């Protein structure tokens, strides 16, 4: 009896994606992009390059004017609003520069919010939230509220919230933008560690220093992918091969 081996589809598949806004403004002009499972990449470009629009398209927060978008094998254009929301909840984790933590909630409850639409009981959501905070090095800060945490710790809470549901893709939008250099380095180290554990991560940034730390750089300018290159040195570091 033969065994059928099922190969998981890429996490992200964009083909000929364009996005136009009223007035004929073209934010994306025919973008092709494939992200395989387990990748760690930077989507990098200056202000106005189209990278934020690309983030919204990949995150299914917006739909393209033309072209196809498949996330974890699902065709975004074929899904209604409710199914798109479910796709985001189950398959995509978001990390933003501004953290977006609820001020009056503990770190544990903020992270548990990431499982709000999972159907899990509250006690199980909080247990998994505690595990996620342990994973990002904040096991002793479960009861701390955002005002009791440093900027770097707040971003770790935000990352824990994004990964608590084990999404197929983590989208980190300028994750070090609001942090000092030391905290920013710690957050990037954490993203590398999560990638080593199997997470697929795309970091959206304007910072070339950040992008050069990652194994793959996708450079966006004027709504086009102008370069898509690998970085062997960063790749070896990400895989833990460097000594």
C-alpha atoms as a PDB file:
ATOM      1  CA  UNK A   1       0.000   0.000   0.000  1.00  0.00           C
ATOM      2  CA  UNK A   2       1.533   3.294  -1.106  1.00  0.00           C
ATOM      3  CA  UNK A   3       1.772   6.263   1.207  1.00  0.00           C
ATOM      4  CA  UNK A   4       0.546   9.619  -0.098  1.00  0.00           C
ATOM      5  CA  UNK A   5       2.812  12.452   0.996  1.00  0.00           C
ATOM      6  CA  UNK A   6       0.946  15.741   1.241  1.00  0.00           C
ATOM      7  CA  UNK A   7       3.114  18.812   0.764  1.00  0.00           C
ATOM      8  CA  UNK A   8       1.831  21.897   2.547  1.00  0.00           C
ATOM      9  CA  UNK A   9       1.275  24.880   0.247  1.00  0.00           C
ATOM     10  CA  UNK A  10       3.360  28.036   0.627  1.00  0.00           C
ATOM     11  CA  UNK A  11       2.200  30.312   3.423  1.00  0.00           C
ATOM     12  CA  UNK A  12       1.971  33.269   1.019  1.00  0.00           C
ATOM     13  CA  UNK A  13       1.378  33.201  -2.738  1.00  0.00           C
ATOM     14  CA  UNK A  14       0.816  36.511  -4.534  1.00  0.00           C
ATOM     15  CA  UNK A  15       0.568  36.645  -8.320  1.00  0.00           C
ATOM     16  CA  UNK A  16       0.262  39.859 -10.326  1.00  0.00           C
ATOM     17  CA  UNK A  17      -1.090  41.806  -7.356  1.00  0.00           C
ATOM     18  CA  UNK A  18      -2.006  45.423  -7.981  1.00  0.00           C
ATOM     19  CA  UNK A  19      -3.679  47.902  -5.661  1.00  0.00           C
ATOM     20  CA  UNK A  20      -5.097  51.172  -6.882  1.00  0.00           C
ATOM     21  CA  UNK A  21      -6.770  53.881  -4.833  1.00  0.00           C
ATOM     22  CA  UNK A  22      -9.227  56.564  -5.991  1.00  0.00           C
ATOM     23  CA  UNK A  23      -7.565  59.138  -8.182  1.00  0.00           C
ATOM     24  CA  UNK A  24      -5.512  56.565 -10.045  1.00  0.00           C
ATOM     25  CA  UNK A  25      -2.892  56.168  -7.302  1.00  0.00           C
ATOM     26  CA  UNK A  26      -1.186  52.787  -7.758  1.00  0.00           C
ATOM     27  CA  UNK A  27       0.294  51.525  -4.476  1.00  0.00           C
ATOM     28  CA  UNK A  28       1.214  48.096  -5.889  1.00  0.00           C
ATOM     29  CA  UNK A  29       1.909  47.419  -9.566  1.00  0.00           C
ATOM     30  CA  UNK A  30       2.059  43.723 -10.311  1.00  0.00           C
ATOM     31  CA  UNK A  31       3.686  42.071  -7.291  1.00  0.00           C
ATOM     32  CA  UNK A  32       4.627  38.386  -7.300  1.00  0.00           C
ATOM     33  CA  UNK A  33       5.717  36.956  -3.943  1.00  0.00           C
ATOM     34  CA  UNK A  34       5.958  33.461  -2.500  1.00  0.00           C
ATOM     35  CA  UNK A  35       6.844  32.748   1.145  1.00  0.00           C
ATOM     36  CA  UNK A  36       7.503  29.145   2.075  1.00  0.00           C
ATOM     37  CA  UNK A  37       6.907  27.664   5.499  1.00  0.00           C
ATOM     38  CA  UNK A  38       9.701  28.307   7.971  1.00  0.00           C
ATOM     39  CA  UNK A  39      11.098  31.365   6.197  1.00  0.00           C
ATOM     40  CA  UNK A  40      12.307  34.521   7.940  1.00  0.00           C
ATOM     41  CA  UNK A  41      12.336  37.509   5.623  1.00  0.00           C
ATOM     42  CA  UNK A  42      12.286  41.274   5.493  1.00  0.00           C
ATOM     43  CA  UNK A  43       9.948  43.269   3.292  1.00  0.00           C
ATOM     44  CA  UNK A  44      11.922  46.488   3.110  1.00  0.00           C
ATOM     45  CA  UNK A  45      11.419  49.830   1.423  1.00  0.00           C
ATOM     46  CA  UNK A  46      11.288  53.578   2.048  1.00  0.00           C
ATOM     47  CA  UNK A  47       8.157  55.489   3.021  1.00  0.00           C
ATOM     48  CA  UNK A  48       5.658  55.444   0.178  1.00  0.00           C
ATOM     49  CA  UNK A  49       7.184  52.371  -1.465  1.00  0.00           C
ATOM     50  CA  UNK A  50       4.060  50.223  -1.082  1.00  0.00           C
ATOM     51  CA  UNK A  51       5.287  47.957   1.718  1.00  0.00           C
ATOM     52  CA  UNK A  52       2.458  48.934   4.098  1.00  0.00           C
ATOM     53  CA  UNK A  53      -0.092  48.225   1.373  1.00  0.00           C
ATOM     54  CA  UNK A  54       1.614  44.880   0.809  1.00  0.00           C
ATOM     55  CA  UNK A  55       1.316  44.159   4.550  1.00  0.00           C
ATOM     56  CA  UNK A  56      -2.424  44.819   4.387  1.00  0.00           C
ATOM     57  CA  UNK A  57      -2.826  42.597   1.329  1.00  0.00           C
ATOM     58  CA  UNK A  58      -0.805  39.705   2.791  1.00  0.00           C
ATOM     59  CA  UNK A  59      -2.628  40.097   6.111  1.00  0.00           C
ATOM     60  CA  UNK A  60      -5.994  40.017   4.248  1.00  0.00           C
ATOM     61  CA  UNK A  61      -6.865  43.351   5.842  1.00  0.00           C
ATOM     62  CA  UNK A  62      -7.428  44.614   2.304  1.00  0.00           C
ATOM     63  CA  UNK A  63      -8.017  42.968  -1.070  1.00  0.00           C
ATOM     64  CA  UNK A  64      -6.108  43.744  -4.279  1.00  0.00           C
ATOM     65  CA  UNK A  65      -7.543  45.556  -7.264  1.00  0.00           C
ATOM     66  CA  UNK A  66      -6.227  42.745  -9.460  1.00  0.00           C
ATOM     67  CA  UNK A  67      -4.162  39.590  -9.067  1.00  0.00           C
ATOM     68  CA  UNK A  68      -4.473  36.628  -6.735  1.00  0.00           C
ATOM     69  CA  UNK A  69      -3.704  36.227  -3.033  1.00  0.00           C
ATOM     70  CA  UNK A  70      -3.463  32.808  -1.387  1.00  0.00           C
ATOM     71  CA  UNK A  71      -2.679  32.508   2.331  1.00  0.00           C
ATOM     72  CA  UNK A  72      -1.947  29.028   3.711  1.00  0.00           C
ATOM     73  CA  UNK A  73      -3.541  27.642   0.547  1.00  0.00           C
ATOM     74  CA  UNK A  74      -6.757  29.691   0.807  1.00  0.00           C
ATOM     75  CA  UNK A  75      -7.820  32.035  -1.987  1.00  0.00           C
ATOM     76  CA  UNK A  76      -8.617  35.315  -0.222  1.00  0.00           C
ATOM     77  CA  UNK A  77     -10.858  36.532  -3.045  1.00  0.00           C
ATOM     78  CA  UNK A  78     -13.118  33.484  -2.637  1.00  0.00           C
ATOM     79  CA  UNK A  79     -13.862  34.205   1.026  1.00  0.00           C
ATOM     80  CA  UNK A  80     -16.512  36.475   2.458  1.00  0.00           C
ATOM     81  CA  UNK A  81     -15.868  38.862   5.346  1.00  0.00           C
ATOM     82  CA  UNK A  82     -16.608  36.285   8.062  1.00  0.00           C
ATOM     83  CA  UNK A  83     -14.373  33.644   6.510  1.00  0.00           C
ATOM     84  CA  UNK A  84     -11.609  36.200   5.952  1.00  0.00           C
ATOM     85  CA  UNK A  85     -11.806  37.137   9.629  1.00  0.00           C
ATOM     86  CA  UNK A  86     -11.577  33.454  10.540  1.00  0.00           C
ATOM     87  CA  UNK A  87      -8.595  33.045   8.202  1.00  0.00           C
ATOM     88  CA  UNK A  88      -6.783  35.896   9.953  1.00  0.00           C
ATOM     89  CA  UNK A  89      -7.638  34.569  13.407  1.00  0.00           C
ATOM     90  CA  UNK A  90      -6.430  31.053  12.636  1.00  0.00           C
ATOM     91  CA  UNK A  91      -3.503  31.595  10.278  1.00  0.00           C
ATOM     92  CA  UNK A  92      -1.997  35.087  10.761  1.00  0.00           C
ATOM     93  CA  UNK A  93      -0.437  36.803  13.770  1.00  0.00           C
ATOM     94  CA  UNK A  94       0.218  40.555  13.758  1.00  0.00           C
ATOM     95  CA  UNK A  95       2.835  42.561  15.660  1.00  0.00           C
ATOM     96  CA  UNK A  96       2.725  46.351  15.363  1.00  0.00           C
ATOM     97  CA  UNK A  97       5.121  49.132  16.298  1.00  0.00           C
ATOM     98  CA  UNK A  98       2.610  50.633  18.741  1.00  0.00           C
ATOM     99  CA  UNK A  99       2.057  47.314  20.641  1.00  0.00           C
ATOM    100  CA  UNK A 100      -1.768  47.758  20.822  1.00  0.00           C
ATOM    101  CA  UNK A 101      -2.020  46.298  24.332  1.00  0.00           C
ATOM    102  CA  UNK A 102      -5.121  46.908  26.471  1.00  0.00           C
ATOM    103  CA  UNK A 103      -3.943  49.218  29.315  1.00  0.00           C
ATOM    104  CA  UNK A 104      -6.040  47.780  32.143  1.00  0.00           C
ATOM    105  CA  UNK A 105      -5.289  44.125  31.392  1.00  0.00           C
ATOM    106  CA  UNK A 106      -2.454  41.984  32.698  1.00  0.00           C
ATOM    107  CA  UNK A 107       0.125  40.639  30.270  1.00  0.00           C
ATOM    108  CA  UNK A 108      -1.501  37.215  30.519  1.00  0.00           C
ATOM    109  CA  UNK A 109      -4.963  38.515  29.683  1.00  0.00           C
ATOM    110  CA  UNK A 110      -3.604  40.628  26.812  1.00  0.00           C
ATOM    111  CA  UNK A 111      -2.066  37.514  25.307  1.00  0.00           C
ATOM    112  CA  UNK A 112      -5.221  35.475  25.941  1.00  0.00           C
ATOM    113  CA  UNK A 113      -7.071  38.024  23.788  1.00  0.00           C
ATOM    114  CA  UNK A 114      -5.248  36.486  20.836  1.00  0.00           C
ATOM    115  CA  UNK A 115      -7.347  33.350  21.364  1.00  0.00           C
ATOM    116  CA  UNK A 116     -10.663  35.139  21.855  1.00  0.00           C
ATOM    117  CA  UNK A 117     -12.218  33.643  18.696  1.00  0.00           C
ATOM    118  CA  UNK A 118     -10.666  30.196  19.105  1.00  0.00           C
ATOM    119  CA  UNK A 119     -13.656  28.692  20.904  1.00  0.00           C
ATOM    120  CA  UNK A 120     -11.445  27.649  23.825  1.00  0.00           C
ATOM    121  CA  UNK A 121     -12.647  28.114  27.421  1.00  0.00           C
ATOM    122  CA  UNK A 122     -11.258  31.150  29.231  1.00  0.00           C
ATOM    123  CA  UNK A 123      -9.151  29.027  31.588  1.00  0.00           C
ATOM    124  CA  UNK A 124      -7.486  27.258  28.648  1.00  0.00           C
ATOM    125  CA  UNK A 125      -6.865  30.574  26.865  1.00  0.00           C
ATOM    126  CA  UNK A 126      -5.142  31.932  29.965  1.00  0.00           C
ATOM    127  CA  UNK A 127      -3.086  28.763  30.377  1.00  0.00           C
ATOM    128  CA  UNK A 128      -1.854  28.975  26.797  1.00  0.00           C
ATOM    129  CA  UNK A 129      -1.190  32.679  27.258  1.00  0.00           C
ATOM    130  CA  UNK A 130       1.031  31.877  30.244  1.00  0.00           C
ATOM    131  CA  UNK A 131       2.929  29.336  28.144  1.00  0.00           C
ATOM    132  CA  UNK A 132       3.396  31.891  25.342  1.00  0.00           C
ATOM    133  CA  UNK A 133       4.765  34.465  27.792  1.00  0.00           C
ATOM    134  CA  UNK A 134       7.186  31.852  29.106  1.00  0.00           C
ATOM    135  CA  UNK A 135       8.239  31.254  25.511  1.00  0.00           C
ATOM    136  CA  UNK A 136       9.171  34.935  25.041  1.00  0.00           C
ATOM    137  CA  UNK A 137      10.948  35.176  28.380  1.00  0.00           C
ATOM    138  CA  UNK A 138       8.225  36.898  30.410  1.00  0.00           C
ATOM    139  CA  UNK A 139       7.106  34.060  32.643  1.00  0.00           C
ATOM    140  CA  UNK A 140       7.578  36.254  35.706  1.00  0.00           C
ATOM    141  CA  UNK A 141       5.514  39.131  34.301  1.00  0.00           C
ATOM    142  CA  UNK A 142       2.133  37.433  33.851  1.00  0.00           C
ATOM    143  CA  UNK A 143       0.259  39.800  36.148  1.00  0.00           C
ATOM    144  CA  UNK A 144       2.035  42.994  35.083  1.00  0.00           C
ATOM    145  CA  UNK A 145      -0.023  45.574  33.225  1.00  0.00           C
ATOM    146  CA  UNK A 146       1.418  47.468  30.242  1.00  0.00           C
ATOM    147  CA  UNK A 147       2.363  50.560  32.287  1.00  0.00           C
ATOM    148  CA  UNK A 148       4.494  48.306  34.500  1.00  0.00           C
ATOM    149  CA  UNK A 149       6.524  46.990  31.547  1.00  0.00           C
ATOM    150  CA  UNK A 150       9.366  48.442  29.516  1.00  0.00           C
ATOM    151  CA  UNK A 151       8.996  49.059  25.796  1.00  0.00           C
ATOM    152  CA  UNK A 152      10.875  45.886  24.968  1.00  0.00           C
ATOM    153  CA  UNK A 153       8.719  43.871  27.364  1.00  0.00           C
ATOM    154  CA  UNK A 154       5.534  45.320  25.840  1.00  0.00           C
ATOM    155  CA  UNK A 155       6.685  44.206  22.413  1.00  0.00           C
ATOM    156  CA  UNK A 156       7.402  40.725  23.776  1.00  0.00           C
ATOM    157  CA  UNK A 157       3.844  40.602  25.119  1.00  0.00           C
ATOM    158  CA  UNK A 158       2.587  41.660  21.684  1.00  0.00           C
ATOM    159  CA  UNK A 159       4.673  38.919  20.057  1.00  0.00           C
ATOM    160  CA  UNK A 160       3.367  36.343  22.537  1.00  0.00           C
ATOM    161  CA  UNK A 161      -0.196  37.410  21.696  1.00  0.00           C
ATOM    162  CA  UNK A 162       0.570  37.031  17.987  1.00  0.00           C
ATOM    163  CA  UNK A 163       2.040  33.522  18.282  1.00  0.00           C
ATOM    164  CA  UNK A 164      -0.183  32.057  21.022  1.00  0.00           C
ATOM    165  CA  UNK A 165      -2.509  30.536  18.425  1.00  0.00           C
ATOM    166  CA  UNK A 166       0.420  29.006  16.467  1.00  0.00           C
ATOM    167  CA  UNK A 167      -0.401  30.900  13.235  1.00  0.00           C
ATOM    168  CA  UNK A 168       1.057  29.919   9.877  1.00  0.00           C
ATOM    169  CA  UNK A 169       2.455  33.437   9.427  1.00  0.00           C
ATOM    170  CA  UNK A 170       3.687  36.175  11.761  1.00  0.00           C
ATOM    171  CA  UNK A 171       3.651  39.684  10.257  1.00  0.00           C
ATOM    172  CA  UNK A 172       5.816  42.090  12.244  1.00  0.00           C
ATOM    173  CA  UNK A 173       5.318  45.706  11.153  1.00  0.00           C
ATOM    174  CA  UNK A 174       8.311  47.849  12.222  1.00  0.00           C
ATOM    175  CA  UNK A 175       8.600  45.766  15.428  1.00  0.00           C
ATOM    176  CA  UNK A 176      11.621  47.722  16.718  1.00  0.00           C
ATOM    177  CA  UNK A 177      10.473  51.174  15.604  1.00  0.00           C
ATOM    178  CA  UNK A 178       9.359  52.351  19.067  1.00  0.00           C
ATOM    179  CA  UNK A 179      12.274  50.768  20.968  1.00  0.00           C
ATOM    180  CA  UNK A 180      15.773  51.788  21.974  1.00  0.00           C
ATOM    181  CA  UNK A 181      18.615  49.952  20.244  1.00  0.00           C
ATOM    182  CA  UNK A 182      19.189  47.399  23.023  1.00  0.00           C
ATOM    183  CA  UNK A 183      15.487  46.496  23.270  1.00  0.00           C
ATOM    184  CA  UNK A 184      15.263  46.368  19.483  1.00  0.00           C
ATOM    185  CA  UNK A 185      18.153  43.921  19.285  1.00  0.00           C
ATOM    186  CA  UNK A 186      16.503  41.734  21.927  1.00  0.00           C
ATOM    187  CA  UNK A 187      13.238  41.675  19.961  1.00  0.00           C
ATOM    188  CA  UNK A 188      15.068  40.705  16.755  1.00  0.00           C
ATOM    189  CA  UNK A 189      16.875  37.931  18.635  1.00  0.00           C
ATOM    190  CA  UNK A 190      13.480  36.683  19.829  1.00  0.00           C
ATOM    191  CA  UNK A 191      12.136  36.635  16.265  1.00  0.00           C
ATOM    192  CA  UNK A 192      15.170  34.599  15.199  1.00  0.00           C
ATOM    193  CA  UNK A 193      14.514  32.148  18.048  1.00  0.00           C
ATOM    194  CA  UNK A 194      10.841  31.789  17.116  1.00  0.00           C
ATOM    195  CA  UNK A 195      11.882  31.156  13.516  1.00  0.00           C
ATOM    196  CA  UNK A 196      14.274  28.416  14.649  1.00  0.00           C
ATOM    197  CA  UNK A 197      11.283  26.829  16.400  1.00  0.00           C
ATOM    198  CA  UNK A 198       9.443  26.745  13.076  1.00  0.00           C
ATOM    199  CA  UNK A 199       7.573  30.064  12.843  1.00  0.00           C
ATOM    200  CA  UNK A 200       7.254  31.726   9.440  1.00  0.00           C
ATOM    201  CA  UNK A 201       7.969  35.428   9.937  1.00  0.00           C
ATOM    202  CA  UNK A 202       7.869  38.465   7.650  1.00  0.00           C
ATOM    203  CA  UNK A 203       9.299  41.696   9.078  1.00  0.00           C
ATOM    204  CA  UNK A 204       8.075  44.851   7.345  1.00  0.00           C
ATOM    205  CA  UNK A 205      10.599  47.647   7.806  1.00  0.00           C
ATOM    206  CA  UNK A 206      12.250  50.706   6.287  1.00  0.00           C
ATOM    207  CA  UNK A 207      15.447  49.960   8.231  1.00  0.00           C
ATOM    208  CA  UNK A 208      18.141  48.377   6.060  1.00  0.00           C
ATOM    209  CA  UNK A 209      20.148  47.381   9.149  1.00  0.00           C
ATOM    210  CA  UNK A 210      17.194  45.310  10.339  1.00  0.00           C
ATOM    211  CA  UNK A 211      16.652  43.772   6.907  1.00  0.00           C
ATOM    212  CA  UNK A 212      20.297  42.787   6.568  1.00  0.00           C
ATOM    213  CA  UNK A 213      19.998  40.701   9.737  1.00  0.00           C
ATOM    214  CA  UNK A 214      17.465  38.415   8.040  1.00  0.00           C
ATOM    215  CA  UNK A 215      18.032  35.500   5.646  1.00  0.00           C
ATOM    216  CA  UNK A 216      15.932  36.993   2.817  1.00  0.00           C
ATOM    217  CA  UNK A 217      15.245  40.567   1.749  1.00  0.00           C
ATOM    218  CA  UNK A 218      12.360  41.542  -0.517  1.00  0.00           C
ATOM    219  CA  UNK A 219      12.899  45.164  -1.543  1.00  0.00           C
ATOM    220  CA  UNK A 220       9.891  47.266  -2.559  1.00  0.00           C
ATOM    221  CA  UNK A 221      10.049  50.541  -4.450  1.00  0.00           C
ATOM    222  CA  UNK A 222       7.292  52.422  -6.256  1.00  0.00           C
ATOM    223  CA  UNK A 223       4.909  49.507  -5.802  1.00  0.00           C
ATOM    224  CA  UNK A 224       7.216  46.929  -7.363  1.00  0.00           C
ATOM    225  CA  UNK A 225       9.477  44.185  -6.037  1.00  0.00           C
ATOM    226  CA  UNK A 226      12.833  45.456  -7.282  1.00  0.00           C
ATOM    227  CA  UNK A 227      14.991  42.862  -5.540  1.00  0.00           C
ATOM    228  CA  UNK A 228      14.453  39.506  -3.827  1.00  0.00           C
ATOM    229  CA  UNK A 229      17.723  38.124  -2.489  1.00  0.00           C
ATOM    230  CA  UNK A 230      19.027  35.718   0.118  1.00  0.00           C
ATOM    231  CA  UNK A 231      21.647  36.533   2.721  1.00  0.00           C
ATOM    232  CA  UNK A 232      23.786  33.420   3.347  1.00  0.00           C
ATOM    233  CA  UNK A 233      25.440  34.877   6.463  1.00  0.00           C
ATOM    234  CA  UNK A 234      22.128  35.820   8.091  1.00  0.00           C
ATOM    235  CA  UNK A 235      20.669  32.482   7.032  1.00  0.00           C
ATOM    236  CA  UNK A 236      23.460  30.567   8.771  1.00  0.00           C
ATOM    237  CA  UNK A 237      22.976  32.625  11.914  1.00  0.00           C
ATOM    238  CA  UNK A 238      19.235  32.020  11.818  1.00  0.00           C
ATOM    239  CA  UNK A 239      19.780  28.276  11.558  1.00  0.00           C
ATOM    240  CA  UNK A 240      22.280  28.370  14.408  1.00  0.00           C
ATOM    241  CA  UNK A 241      25.189  27.222  12.221  1.00  0.00           C
ATOM    242  CA  UNK A 242      27.504  30.074  13.175  1.00  0.00           C
ATOM    243  CA  UNK A 243      29.884  29.414  16.025  1.00  0.00           C
END
